[in-house]
Amino acid sequence: MNKAELVEEVAGVLDSKKAAEAAVDSLLEGITGALKKGDSISLVGFGTFKVQRQKARTGRNPRTGEEIKIQAKNVAKFAPGKALKAAVN
């Protein structure tokens, strides 16, 4: 499912595609903004979005085999909740 299909699903509940698109955009902006600040977002039953620090490490260029340094960075992580795990299985 992509963003347009998600908007269609939400529009079925809200009876307005414009309101559905605004709701989806608002949700995504809220999650993005919280992760930028380093906060975590916990949606009970669905899951938790959080930022995790990935350490610097040494990698290899697959073309030349040369060692390269990969810088440390923040990555977004999602941990599914119990209800989501049960629904998928």
Protein backbone atom coordinates (compact mmCIF):
# COMPACT_ATOMS: atom_id res chain seq x y z
CA MET A 1 0.00 0.00 0.00
CA ASN A 2 1.32 3.44 -0.88
CA LYS A 3 0.37 6.88 0.43
CA ALA A 4 -2.39 7.44 -2.16
CA GLU A 5 -4.01 4.12 -1.28
CA LEU A 6 -3.80 4.96 2.42
CA VAL A 7 -5.52 8.30 1.75
CA GLU A 8 -8.30 6.42 -0.06
CA GLU A 9 -8.78 4.13 2.96
CA VAL A 10 -8.99 7.08 5.35
CA ALA A 11 -11.31 8.93 2.94
CA GLY A 12 -13.76 6.04 3.27
CA VAL A 13 -14.08 6.84 6.97
CA LEU A 14 -13.97 10.66 6.71
CA ASP A 15 -16.13 10.97 3.54
CA SER A 16 -13.67 13.55 2.16
CA LYS A 17 -10.49 12.85 0.25
CA LYS A 18 -9.14 16.32 1.05
CA ALA A 19 -9.65 15.83 4.81
CA ALA A 20 -8.15 12.33 4.58
CA GLU A 21 -5.05 13.62 2.82
CA ALA A 22 -4.66 16.36 5.44
CA ALA A 23 -5.01 13.78 8.24
CA VAL A 24 -2.41 11.44 6.73
CA ASP A 25 0.01 14.31 6.05
CA SER A 26 -0.46 15.64 9.58
CA LEU A 27 0.23 12.21 11.08
CA LEU A 28 3.39 11.72 9.02
CA GLU A 29 4.65 15.24 9.81
CA GLY A 30 4.02 14.67 13.51
CA ILE A 31 5.96 11.41 13.52
CA THR A 32 8.80 12.95 11.50
CA GLY A 33 8.98 16.02 13.74
CA ALA A 34 9.10 13.95 16.93
CA LEU A 35 11.83 11.68 15.52
CA LYS A 36 13.87 14.73 14.44
CA LYS A 37 13.81 15.91 18.07
CA GLY A 38 14.93 12.46 19.23
CA ASP A 39 11.59 11.58 20.84
CA SER A 40 9.88 8.22 20.47
CA ILE A 41 6.26 7.74 19.44
CA SER A 42 4.33 4.93 21.08
CA LEU A 43 0.98 3.91 19.56
CA VAL A 44 -0.44 1.33 21.95
CA GLY A 45 -1.28 -1.90 20.14
CA PHE A 46 0.34 -0.72 16.89
CA GLY A 47 3.98 -0.12 17.73
CA THR A 48 6.74 2.30 18.62
CA PHE A 49 8.79 4.57 16.39
CA LYS A 50 12.17 5.61 17.82
CA VAL A 51 15.55 7.01 16.83
CA GLN A 52 18.59 4.86 17.37
CA ARG A 53 22.25 5.86 17.01
CA GLN A 54 24.24 3.68 14.61
CA LYS A 55 27.95 3.59 15.45
CA ALA A 56 30.70 4.44 13.00
CA ARG A 57 32.15 1.36 11.41
CA THR A 58 34.50 0.12 8.72
CA GLY A 59 33.06 -1.21 5.49
CA ARG A 60 34.36 -2.35 2.12
CA ASN A 61 33.82 -0.93 -1.32
CA PRO A 62 32.34 -3.95 -3.16
CA ARG A 63 33.85 -2.89 -6.47
CA THR A 64 37.45 -2.39 -5.34
CA GLY A 65 37.58 -4.19 -2.00
CA GLU A 66 39.04 -1.03 -0.45
CA GLU A 67 38.22 -0.36 3.21
CA ILE A 68 36.08 2.72 3.82
CA LYS A 69 34.91 4.44 6.98
CA ILE A 70 31.15 4.68 7.44
CA GLN A 71 30.18 7.60 9.69
CA ALA A 72 27.90 7.31 12.71
CA LYS A 73 24.30 8.32 12.06
CA ASN A 74 20.81 8.30 13.50
CA VAL A 75 18.32 5.82 12.04
CA ALA A 76 14.56 5.51 12.49
CA LYS A 77 13.39 2.19 13.93
CA PHE A 78 9.93 0.67 14.28
CA ALA A 79 9.04 -2.03 16.78
CA PRO A 80 5.59 -3.57 16.18
CA GLY A 81 3.21 -3.85 19.12
CA LYS A 82 1.59 -7.02 20.41
CA ALA A 83 -1.75 -6.42 18.64
CA LEU A 84 -0.06 -5.75 15.29
CA LYS A 85 2.05 -8.90 15.61
CA ALA A 86 -1.07 -10.92 16.39
CA ALA A 87 -3.00 -9.43 13.46
CA VAL A 88 -0.22 -10.26 11.00
CA ASN A 89 0.23 -13.86 12.16
